Full PDB file with SEQRES, HELIX, SHEET, SSBOND, CRYST1, ORIGX, SCALE, CONECT and MASTER records, all heavy atoms in Angstrom:
SEQRES   1 A   35  LEU LYS GLY VAL PRO ASN ASP VAL VAL ASN ASN LEU ASP          
SEQRES   2 A   35  PRO LEU ALA LEU LEU ILE PHE VAL PRO LEU CYS ASP THR          
SEQRES   3 A   35  LEU LEU TYR PRO GLY LEU ARG ARG MET                          
HELIX    1 AA1 ASN A    6  ASN A   11  5                                   6    
HELIX    2 AA2 LEU A   12  LEU A   23  1                                  12    
HELIX    3 AA3 CYS A   24  LEU A   28  3                                   5    
HELIX    4 AA4 TYR A   29  ARG A   34  1                                   6    
CRYST1    1.000    1.000    1.000  90.00  90.00  90.00 P 1           1          
ORIGX1      1.000000  0.000000  0.000000        0.00000                         
ORIGX2      0.000000  1.000000  0.000000        0.00000                         
ORIGX3      0.000000  0.000000  1.000000        0.00000                         
SCALE1      1.000000  0.000000  0.000000        0.00000                         
SCALE2      0.000000  1.000000  0.000000        0.00000                         
SCALE3      0.000000  0.000000  1.000000        0.00000                         
ATOM      1  N   LEU A   1       0.818  -1.210  -0.006  1.00  0.00           N  
ATOM      2  CA  LEU A   1      -0.008   0.021   0.005  1.00  0.00           C  
ATOM      3  C   LEU A   1       0.814   1.238  -0.008  1.00  0.00           C  
ATOM      4  O   LEU A   1       0.379   2.285  -0.464  1.00  0.00           O  
ATOM      5  CB  LEU A   1      -0.926   0.034   1.206  1.00  0.00           C  
ATOM      6  CG  LEU A   1      -1.959  -1.133   1.304  1.00  0.00           C  
ATOM      7  CD1 LEU A   1      -2.716  -1.072   2.637  1.00  0.00           C  
ATOM      8  CD2 LEU A   1      -2.959  -0.983   0.105  1.00  0.00           C  
ATOM      9  N   LYS A   2       1.985   1.225   0.634  1.00  0.00           N  
ATOM     10  CA  LYS A   2       2.872   2.436   0.754  1.00  0.00           C  
ATOM     11  C   LYS A   2       2.125   3.605   1.311  1.00  0.00           C  
ATOM     12  O   LYS A   2       2.200   4.754   0.848  1.00  0.00           O  
ATOM     13  CB  LYS A   2       3.478   2.784  -0.603  1.00  0.00           C  
ATOM     14  CG  LYS A   2       4.465   1.759  -1.181  1.00  0.00           C  
ATOM     15  CD  LYS A   2       5.248   2.256  -2.331  1.00  0.00           C  
ATOM     16  CE  LYS A   2       6.219   1.170  -2.877  1.00  0.00           C  
ATOM     17  NZ  LYS A   2       7.312   0.946  -1.875  1.00  0.00           N  
ATOM     18  N   GLY A   3       1.398   3.307   2.409  1.00  0.00           N  
ATOM     19  CA  GLY A   3       0.775   4.326   3.190  1.00  0.00           C  
ATOM     20  C   GLY A   3      -0.611   4.711   2.775  1.00  0.00           C  
ATOM     21  O   GLY A   3      -1.333   5.500   3.406  1.00  0.00           O  
ATOM     22  N   VAL A   4      -1.095   4.155   1.619  1.00  0.00           N  
ATOM     23  CA  VAL A   4      -2.429   4.415   1.097  1.00  0.00           C  
ATOM     24  C   VAL A   4      -3.445   3.519   1.800  1.00  0.00           C  
ATOM     25  O   VAL A   4      -3.259   2.273   1.857  1.00  0.00           O  
ATOM     26  CB  VAL A   4      -2.496   4.201  -0.431  1.00  0.00           C  
ATOM     27  CG1 VAL A   4      -3.937   4.388  -0.921  1.00  0.00           C  
ATOM     28  CG2 VAL A   4      -1.498   5.080  -1.136  1.00  0.00           C  
ATOM     29  N   PRO A   5      -4.527   4.025   2.383  1.00  0.00           N  
ATOM     30  CA  PRO A   5      -5.534   3.140   2.975  1.00  0.00           C  
ATOM     31  C   PRO A   5      -6.084   2.234   1.927  1.00  0.00           C  
ATOM     32  O   PRO A   5      -6.374   2.602   0.783  1.00  0.00           O  
ATOM     33  CB  PRO A   5      -6.605   4.140   3.476  1.00  0.00           C  
ATOM     34  CG  PRO A   5      -5.883   5.414   3.707  1.00  0.00           C  
ATOM     35  CD  PRO A   5      -4.808   5.430   2.581  1.00  0.00           C  
ATOM     36  N   ASN A   6      -6.237   0.919   2.248  1.00  0.00           N  
ATOM     37  CA  ASN A   6      -6.685  -0.015   1.263  1.00  0.00           C  
ATOM     38  C   ASN A   6      -8.091   0.257   0.761  1.00  0.00           C  
ATOM     39  O   ASN A   6      -8.416  -0.103  -0.342  1.00  0.00           O  
ATOM     40  CB  ASN A   6      -6.672  -1.452   1.871  1.00  0.00           C  
ATOM     41  CG  ASN A   6      -7.781  -1.678   2.933  1.00  0.00           C  
ATOM     42  OD1 ASN A   6      -7.827  -0.930   3.845  1.00  0.00           O  
ATOM     43  ND2 ASN A   6      -8.565  -2.729   2.771  1.00  0.00           N  
ATOM     44  N   ASP A   7      -8.943   0.935   1.606  1.00  0.00           N  
ATOM     45  CA  ASP A   7     -10.241   1.241   1.135  1.00  0.00           C  
ATOM     46  C   ASP A   7     -10.345   2.611   0.447  1.00  0.00           C  
ATOM     47  O   ASP A   7     -11.492   3.109   0.259  1.00  0.00           O  
ATOM     48  CB  ASP A   7     -11.261   1.105   2.269  1.00  0.00           C  
ATOM     49  CG  ASP A   7     -10.834   1.770   3.574  1.00  0.00           C  
ATOM     50  OD1 ASP A   7      -9.842   2.505   3.501  1.00  0.00           O  
ATOM     51  OD2 ASP A   7     -11.512   1.639   4.570  1.00  0.00           O  
ATOM     52  N   VAL A   8      -9.251   3.225   0.137  1.00  0.00           N  
ATOM     53  CA  VAL A   8      -9.353   4.469  -0.679  1.00  0.00           C  
ATOM     54  C   VAL A   8      -9.083   4.152  -2.135  1.00  0.00           C  
ATOM     55  O   VAL A   8      -9.405   5.036  -2.984  1.00  0.00           O  
ATOM     56  CB  VAL A   8      -8.307   5.509  -0.121  1.00  0.00           C  
ATOM     57  CG1 VAL A   8      -6.844   5.244  -0.705  1.00  0.00           C  
ATOM     58  CG2 VAL A   8      -8.743   6.920  -0.433  1.00  0.00           C  
ATOM     59  N   VAL A   9      -8.577   3.014  -2.503  1.00  0.00           N  
ATOM     60  CA  VAL A   9      -8.118   2.806  -3.873  1.00  0.00           C  
ATOM     61  C   VAL A   9      -9.391   2.687  -4.774  1.00  0.00           C  
ATOM     62  O   VAL A   9      -9.309   3.070  -5.954  1.00  0.00           O  
ATOM     63  CB  VAL A   9      -7.363   1.453  -3.952  1.00  0.00           C  
ATOM     64  CG1 VAL A   9      -6.938   1.154  -5.403  1.00  0.00           C  
ATOM     65  CG2 VAL A   9      -6.127   1.549  -3.056  1.00  0.00           C  
ATOM     66  N   ASN A  10     -10.566   2.221  -4.274  1.00  0.00           N  
ATOM     67  CA  ASN A  10     -11.707   2.135  -5.114  1.00  0.00           C  
ATOM     68  C   ASN A  10     -12.302   3.489  -5.472  1.00  0.00           C  
ATOM     69  O   ASN A  10     -13.239   3.562  -6.270  1.00  0.00           O  
ATOM     70  CB  ASN A  10     -12.824   1.199  -4.456  1.00  0.00           C  
ATOM     71  CG  ASN A  10     -13.302   1.771  -3.132  1.00  0.00           C  
ATOM     72  OD1 ASN A  10     -13.055   2.893  -2.743  1.00  0.00           O  
ATOM     73  ND2 ASN A  10     -14.019   0.927  -2.445  1.00  0.00           N  
ATOM     74  N   ASN A  11     -11.720   4.515  -5.048  1.00  0.00           N  
ATOM     75  CA  ASN A  11     -12.060   5.892  -5.482  1.00  0.00           C  
ATOM     76  C   ASN A  11     -11.568   6.146  -6.943  1.00  0.00           C  
ATOM     77  O   ASN A  11     -11.914   7.161  -7.536  1.00  0.00           O  
ATOM     78  CB  ASN A  11     -11.592   6.921  -4.547  1.00  0.00           C  
ATOM     79  CG  ASN A  11     -12.418   6.961  -3.249  1.00  0.00           C  
ATOM     80  OD1 ASN A  11     -13.514   7.507  -3.262  1.00  0.00           O  
ATOM     81  ND2 ASN A  11     -11.861   6.404  -2.194  1.00  0.00           N  
ATOM     82  N   LEU A  12     -10.814   5.211  -7.419  1.00  0.00           N  
ATOM     83  CA  LEU A  12     -10.441   5.332  -8.872  1.00  0.00           C  
ATOM     84  C   LEU A  12     -11.673   5.225  -9.747  1.00  0.00           C  
ATOM     85  O   LEU A  12     -11.698   5.751 -10.819  1.00  0.00           O  
ATOM     86  CB  LEU A  12      -9.444   4.226  -9.224  1.00  0.00           C  
ATOM     87  CG  LEU A  12      -7.990   4.341  -8.689  1.00  0.00           C  
ATOM     88  CD1 LEU A  12      -7.229   3.015  -8.936  1.00  0.00           C  
ATOM     89  CD2 LEU A  12      -7.342   5.534  -9.334  1.00  0.00           C  
ATOM     90  N   ASP A  13     -12.721   4.558  -9.206  1.00  0.00           N  
ATOM     91  CA  ASP A  13     -13.967   4.484  -9.961  1.00  0.00           C  
ATOM     92  C   ASP A  13     -14.629   5.779 -10.117  1.00  0.00           C  
ATOM     93  O   ASP A  13     -14.890   6.250 -11.231  1.00  0.00           O  
ATOM     94  CB  ASP A  13     -14.849   3.369  -9.373  1.00  0.00           C  
ATOM     95  CG  ASP A  13     -16.270   3.376  -9.943  1.00  0.00           C  
ATOM     96  OD1 ASP A  13     -16.398   3.056 -11.106  1.00  0.00           O  
ATOM     97  OD2 ASP A  13     -17.158   3.736  -9.189  1.00  0.00           O  
ATOM     98  N   PRO A  14     -15.019   6.485  -9.068  1.00  0.00           N  
ATOM     99  CA  PRO A  14     -15.651   7.835  -9.253  1.00  0.00           C  
ATOM    100  C   PRO A  14     -14.768   8.811  -9.884  1.00  0.00           C  
ATOM    101  O   PRO A  14     -15.184   9.720 -10.603  1.00  0.00           O  
ATOM    102  CB  PRO A  14     -16.020   8.225  -7.802  1.00  0.00           C  
ATOM    103  CG  PRO A  14     -15.214   7.382  -6.866  1.00  0.00           C  
ATOM    104  CD  PRO A  14     -14.975   6.036  -7.625  1.00  0.00           C  
ATOM    105  N   LEU A  15     -13.408   8.697  -9.583  1.00  0.00           N  
ATOM    106  CA  LEU A  15     -12.484   9.618 -10.280  1.00  0.00           C  
ATOM    107  C   LEU A  15     -12.504   9.425 -11.807  1.00  0.00           C  
ATOM    108  O   LEU A  15     -12.543  10.403 -12.520  1.00  0.00           O  
ATOM    109  CB  LEU A  15     -11.064   9.415  -9.695  1.00  0.00           C  
ATOM    110  CG  LEU A  15      -9.955  10.299 -10.351  1.00  0.00           C  
ATOM    111  CD1 LEU A  15     -10.235  11.784  -9.990  1.00  0.00           C  
ATOM    112  CD2 LEU A  15      -8.636   9.906  -9.783  1.00  0.00           C  
ATOM    113  N   ALA A  16     -12.520   8.225 -12.226  1.00  0.00           N  
ATOM    114  CA  ALA A  16     -12.574   7.979 -13.666  1.00  0.00           C  
ATOM    115  C   ALA A  16     -13.901   8.448 -14.259  1.00  0.00           C  
ATOM    116  O   ALA A  16     -13.976   9.023 -15.287  1.00  0.00           O  
ATOM    117  CB  ALA A  16     -12.465   6.447 -13.972  1.00  0.00           C  
ATOM    118  N   LEU A  17     -15.007   8.364 -13.502  1.00  0.00           N  
ATOM    119  CA  LEU A  17     -16.319   8.811 -13.906  1.00  0.00           C  
ATOM    120  C   LEU A  17     -16.357  10.391 -14.062  1.00  0.00           C  
ATOM    121  O   LEU A  17     -16.874  10.890 -15.025  1.00  0.00           O  
ATOM    122  CB  LEU A  17     -17.386   8.389 -12.945  1.00  0.00           C  
ATOM    123  CG  LEU A  17     -17.823   6.918 -13.040  1.00  0.00           C  
ATOM    124  CD1 LEU A  17     -18.612   6.514 -11.857  1.00  0.00           C  
ATOM    125  CD2 LEU A  17     -18.712   6.771 -14.320  1.00  0.00           C  
ATOM    126  N   LEU A  18     -15.629  11.106 -13.156  1.00  0.00           N  
ATOM    127  CA  LEU A  18     -15.571  12.561 -13.226  1.00  0.00           C  
ATOM    128  C   LEU A  18     -14.846  12.963 -14.557  1.00  0.00           C  
ATOM    129  O   LEU A  18     -15.103  14.004 -15.077  1.00  0.00           O  
ATOM    130  CB  LEU A  18     -14.802  13.105 -12.001  1.00  0.00           C  
ATOM    131  CG  LEU A  18     -15.481  12.907 -10.652  1.00  0.00           C  
ATOM    132  CD1 LEU A  18     -14.665  13.665  -9.649  1.00  0.00           C  
ATOM    133  CD2 LEU A  18     -16.869  13.426 -10.695  1.00  0.00           C  
ATOM    134  N   ILE A  19     -14.032  12.130 -15.077  1.00  0.00           N  
ATOM    135  CA  ILE A  19     -13.254  12.430 -16.331  1.00  0.00           C  
ATOM    136  C   ILE A  19     -14.098  12.024 -17.524  1.00  0.00           C  
ATOM    137  O   ILE A  19     -14.245  12.808 -18.425  1.00  0.00           O  
ATOM    138  CB  ILE A  19     -11.895  11.695 -16.327  1.00  0.00           C  
ATOM    139  CG1 ILE A  19     -10.997  12.258 -15.200  1.00  0.00           C  
ATOM    140  CG2 ILE A  19     -11.231  11.860 -17.667  1.00  0.00           C  
ATOM    141  CD1 ILE A  19      -9.774  11.443 -14.969  1.00  0.00           C  
ATOM    142  N   PHE A  20     -14.600  10.820 -17.506  1.00  0.00           N  
ATOM    143  CA  PHE A  20     -15.288  10.285 -18.691  1.00  0.00           C  
ATOM    144  C   PHE A  20     -16.695  10.681 -18.953  1.00  0.00           C  
ATOM    145  O   PHE A  20     -17.164  10.726 -20.058  1.00  0.00           O  
ATOM    146  CB  PHE A  20     -15.167   8.751 -18.687  1.00  0.00           C  
ATOM    147  CG  PHE A  20     -13.752   8.228 -18.945  1.00  0.00           C  
ATOM    148  CD1 PHE A  20     -13.036   7.649 -17.839  1.00  0.00           C  
ATOM    149  CD2 PHE A  20     -13.148   8.330 -20.140  1.00  0.00           C  
ATOM    150  CE1 PHE A  20     -11.768   7.199 -18.083  1.00  0.00           C  
ATOM    151  CE2 PHE A  20     -11.856   7.844 -20.326  1.00  0.00           C  
ATOM    152  CZ  PHE A  20     -11.180   7.291 -19.287  1.00  0.00           C  
ATOM    153  N   VAL A  21     -17.435  11.017 -17.861  1.00  0.00           N  
ATOM    154  CA  VAL A  21     -18.889  11.492 -18.088  1.00  0.00           C  
ATOM    155  C   VAL A  21     -18.907  12.772 -18.914  1.00  0.00           C  
ATOM    156  O   VAL A  21     -19.673  12.793 -19.940  1.00  0.00           O  
ATOM    157  CB  VAL A  21     -19.621  11.722 -16.729  1.00  0.00           C  
ATOM    158  CG1 VAL A  21     -20.792  12.506 -16.898  1.00  0.00           C  
ATOM    159  CG2 VAL A  21     -19.894  10.333 -16.067  1.00  0.00           C  
ATOM    160  N   PRO A  22     -18.119  13.834 -18.635  1.00  0.00           N  
ATOM    161  CA  PRO A  22     -18.177  15.022 -19.479  1.00  0.00           C  
ATOM    162  C   PRO A  22     -17.674  14.723 -20.895  1.00  0.00           C  
ATOM    163  O   PRO A  22     -18.174  15.275 -21.844  1.00  0.00           O  
ATOM    164  CB  PRO A  22     -17.261  16.021 -18.753  1.00  0.00           C  
ATOM    165  CG  PRO A  22     -17.218  15.568 -17.265  1.00  0.00           C  
ATOM    166  CD  PRO A  22     -17.278  14.088 -17.348  1.00  0.00           C  
ATOM    167  N   LEU A  23     -16.679  13.825 -21.048  1.00  0.00           N  
ATOM    168  CA  LEU A  23     -16.185  13.473 -22.300  1.00  0.00           C  
ATOM    169  C   LEU A  23     -17.265  12.806 -23.185  1.00  0.00           C  
ATOM    170  O   LEU A  23     -17.332  13.103 -24.371  1.00  0.00           O  
ATOM    171  CB  LEU A  23     -14.927  12.597 -22.216  1.00  0.00           C  
ATOM    172  CG  LEU A  23     -13.645  13.245 -21.741  1.00  0.00           C  
ATOM    173  CD1 LEU A  23     -12.554  12.137 -21.526  1.00  0.00           C  
ATOM    174  CD2 LEU A  23     -13.175  14.353 -22.618  1.00  0.00           C  
ATOM    175  N   CYS A  24     -18.022  11.923 -22.538  1.00  0.00           N  
ATOM    176  CA  CYS A  24     -19.049  11.273 -23.304  1.00  0.00           C  
ATOM    177  C   CYS A  24     -20.096  12.290 -23.713  1.00  0.00           C  
ATOM    178  O   CYS A  24     -20.674  12.292 -24.823  1.00  0.00           O  
ATOM    179  CB  CYS A  24     -19.686  10.158 -22.475  1.00  0.00           C  
ATOM    180  SG  CYS A  24     -18.580   8.664 -22.367  1.00  0.00           S  
ATOM    181  N   ASP A  25     -20.519  13.147 -22.833  1.00  0.00           N  
ATOM    182  CA  ASP A  25     -21.587  14.139 -23.051  1.00  0.00           C  
ATOM    183  C   ASP A  25     -21.171  15.183 -24.154  1.00  0.00           C  
ATOM    184  O   ASP A  25     -22.011  15.593 -24.952  1.00  0.00           O  
ATOM    185  CB  ASP A  25     -21.969  14.852 -21.796  1.00  0.00           C  
ATOM    186  CG  ASP A  25     -23.082  15.849 -22.016  1.00  0.00           C  
ATOM    187  OD1 ASP A  25     -24.197  15.428 -22.313  1.00  0.00           O  
ATOM    188  OD2 ASP A  25     -22.825  17.047 -21.865  1.00  0.00           O  
ATOM    189  N   THR A  26     -19.945  15.612 -24.068  1.00  0.00           N  
ATOM    190  CA  THR A  26     -19.584  16.722 -24.939  1.00  0.00           C  
ATOM    191  C   THR A  26     -18.889  16.293 -26.227  1.00  0.00           C  
ATOM    192  O   THR A  26     -18.835  17.039 -27.202  1.00  0.00           O  
ATOM    193  CB  THR A  26     -18.591  17.730 -24.229  1.00  0.00           C  
ATOM    194  OG1 THR A  26     -17.438  16.989 -23.782  1.00  0.00           O  
ATOM    195  CG2 THR A  26     -19.322  18.332 -22.992  1.00  0.00           C  
ATOM    196  N   LEU A  27     -18.267  15.071 -26.285  1.00  0.00           N  
ATOM    197  CA  LEU A  27     -17.485  14.622 -27.355  1.00  0.00           C  
ATOM    198  C   LEU A  27     -18.055  13.412 -28.037  1.00  0.00           C  
ATOM    199  O   LEU A  27     -18.428  13.385 -29.220  1.00  0.00           O  
ATOM    200  CB  LEU A  27     -16.021  14.483 -27.049  1.00  0.00           C  
ATOM    201  CG  LEU A  27     -15.230  15.680 -26.595  1.00  0.00           C  
ATOM    202  CD1 LEU A  27     -13.847  15.248 -26.151  1.00  0.00           C  
ATOM    203  CD2 LEU A  27     -15.226  16.714 -27.665  1.00  0.00           C  
ATOM    204  N   LEU A  28     -18.173  12.289 -27.247  1.00  0.00           N  
ATOM    205  CA  LEU A  28     -18.471  10.966 -27.863  1.00  0.00           C  
ATOM    206  C   LEU A  28     -19.955  10.985 -28.434  1.00  0.00           C  
ATOM    207  O   LEU A  28     -20.061  10.721 -29.629  1.00  0.00           O  
ATOM    208  CB  LEU A  28     -18.386   9.915 -26.810  1.00  0.00           C  
ATOM    209  CG  LEU A  28     -18.787   8.450 -27.287  1.00  0.00           C  
ATOM    210  CD1 LEU A  28     -17.882   8.046 -28.406  1.00  0.00           C  
ATOM    211  CD2 LEU A  28     -18.694   7.532 -26.134  1.00  0.00           C  
ATOM    212  N   TYR A  29     -20.967  11.269 -27.575  1.00  0.00           N  
ATOM    213  CA  TYR A  29     -22.314  11.204 -28.059  1.00  0.00           C  
ATOM    214  C   TYR A  29     -22.651  12.243 -29.207  1.00  0.00           C  
ATOM    215  O   TYR A  29     -23.221  11.857 -30.215  1.00  0.00           O  
ATOM    216  CB  TYR A  29     -23.306  11.339 -26.891  1.00  0.00           C  
ATOM    217  CG  TYR A  29     -23.198  10.239 -25.912  1.00  0.00           C  
ATOM    218  CD1 TYR A  29     -23.535  10.436 -24.589  1.00  0.00           C  
ATOM    219  CD2 TYR A  29     -22.745   9.029 -26.184  1.00  0.00           C  
ATOM    220  CE1 TYR A  29     -23.513   9.418 -23.659  1.00  0.00           C  
ATOM    221  CE2 TYR A  29     -22.673   7.946 -25.336  1.00  0.00           C  
ATOM    222  CZ  TYR A  29     -23.002   8.171 -24.027  1.00  0.00           C  
ATOM    223  OH  TYR A  29     -23.003   7.104 -23.099  1.00  0.00           O  
ATOM    224  N   PRO A  30     -22.289  13.485 -29.053  1.00  0.00           N  
ATOM    225  CA  PRO A  30     -22.499  14.435 -30.160  1.00  0.00           C  
ATOM    226  C   PRO A  30     -21.756  13.985 -31.431  1.00  0.00           C  
ATOM    227  O   PRO A  30     -22.218  14.085 -32.527  1.00  0.00           O  
ATOM    228  CB  PRO A  30     -21.966  15.763 -29.625  1.00  0.00           C  
ATOM    229  CG  PRO A  30     -22.083  15.627 -28.125  1.00  0.00           C  
ATOM    230  CD  PRO A  30     -21.757  14.226 -27.839  1.00  0.00           C  
ATOM    231  N   GLY A  31     -20.490  13.479 -31.275  1.00  0.00           N  
ATOM    232  CA  GLY A  31     -19.771  13.043 -32.432  1.00  0.00           C  
ATOM    233  C   GLY A  31     -20.452  11.926 -33.168  1.00  0.00           C  
ATOM    234  O   GLY A  31     -20.437  11.892 -34.399  1.00  0.00           O  
ATOM    235  N   LEU A  32     -20.992  10.941 -32.398  1.00  0.00           N  
ATOM    236  CA  LEU A  32     -21.703   9.855 -32.994  1.00  0.00           C  
ATOM    237  C   LEU A  32     -22.950  10.270 -33.763  1.00  0.00           C  
ATOM    238  O   LEU A  32     -23.264   9.762 -34.818  1.00  0.00           O  
ATOM    239  CB  LEU A  32     -21.993   8.734 -31.983  1.00  0.00           C  
ATOM    240  CG  LEU A  32     -20.864   8.021 -31.341  1.00  0.00           C  
ATOM    241  CD1 LEU A  32     -21.335   7.059 -30.216  1.00  0.00           C  
ATOM    242  CD2 LEU A  32     -20.107   7.167 -32.390  1.00  0.00           C  
ATOM    243  N   ARG A  33     -23.667  11.207 -33.120  1.00  0.00           N  
ATOM    244  CA  ARG A  33     -24.841  11.744 -33.775  1.00  0.00           C  
ATOM    245  C   ARG A  33     -24.524  12.503 -35.061  1.00  0.00           C  
ATOM    246  O   ARG A  33     -25.220  12.365 -36.063  1.00  0.00           O  
ATOM    247  CB  ARG A  33     -25.597  12.738 -32.825  1.00  0.00           C  
ATOM    248  CG  ARG A  33     -26.411  11.965 -31.692  1.00  0.00           C  
ATOM    249  CD  ARG A  33     -27.376  12.911 -31.091  1.00  0.00           C  
ATOM    250  NE  ARG A  33     -26.734  13.970 -30.353  1.00  0.00           N  
ATOM    251  CZ  ARG A  33     -26.363  13.846 -29.007  1.00  0.00           C  
ATOM    252  NH1 ARG A  33     -26.570  12.712 -28.407  1.00  0.00           N  
ATOM    253  NH2 ARG A  33     -25.810  14.859 -28.467  1.00  0.00           N  
ATOM    254  N   ARG A  34     -23.392  13.245 -35.104  1.00  0.00           N  
ATOM    255  CA  ARG A  34     -23.027  13.977 -36.316  1.00  0.00           C  
ATOM    256  C   ARG A  34     -22.604  12.934 -37.407  1.00  0.00           C  
ATOM    257  O   ARG A  34     -22.812  13.213 -38.589  1.00  0.00           O  
ATOM    258  CB  ARG A  34     -21.868  14.921 -36.028  1.00  0.00           C  
ATOM    259  CG  ARG A  34     -22.337  16.202 -35.369  1.00  0.00           C  
ATOM    260  CD  ARG A  34     -21.169  17.231 -35.407  1.00  0.00           C  
ATOM    261  NE  ARG A  34     -20.037  16.871 -34.568  1.00  0.00           N  
ATOM    262  CZ  ARG A  34     -19.912  17.095 -33.264  1.00  0.00           C  
ATOM    263  NH1 ARG A  34     -20.917  17.644 -32.612  1.00  0.00           N  
ATOM    264  NH2 ARG A  34     -18.895  16.628 -32.603  1.00  0.00           N  
ATOM    265  N   MET A  35     -22.128  11.795 -37.008  1.00  0.00           N  
ATOM    266  CA  MET A  35     -21.837  10.748 -38.039  1.00  0.00           C  
ATOM    267  C   MET A  35     -22.999   9.907 -38.413  1.00  0.00           C  
ATOM    268  O   MET A  35     -22.893   9.037 -39.203  1.00  0.00           O  
ATOM    269  CB  MET A  35     -20.668   9.827 -37.450  1.00  0.00           C  
ATOM    270  CG  MET A  35     -19.330  10.499 -37.354  1.00  0.00           C  
ATOM    271  SD  MET A  35     -18.015   9.386 -36.896  1.00  0.00           S  
ATOM    272  CE  MET A  35     -18.515   8.928 -35.249  1.00  0.00           C  
TER     273      MET A  35                                                      
MASTER        0    0    0    4    0    0    0    6  272    1    0    3          
END                                                                             
């Protein structure tokens, strides 16, 4: 762990969502509709 609490690692899930949700809304879905 190198000092990281074992139950903090699963926050990679919401952190990834904070990145990918806006990308899907502003880039992926509109891009697919334009195609």
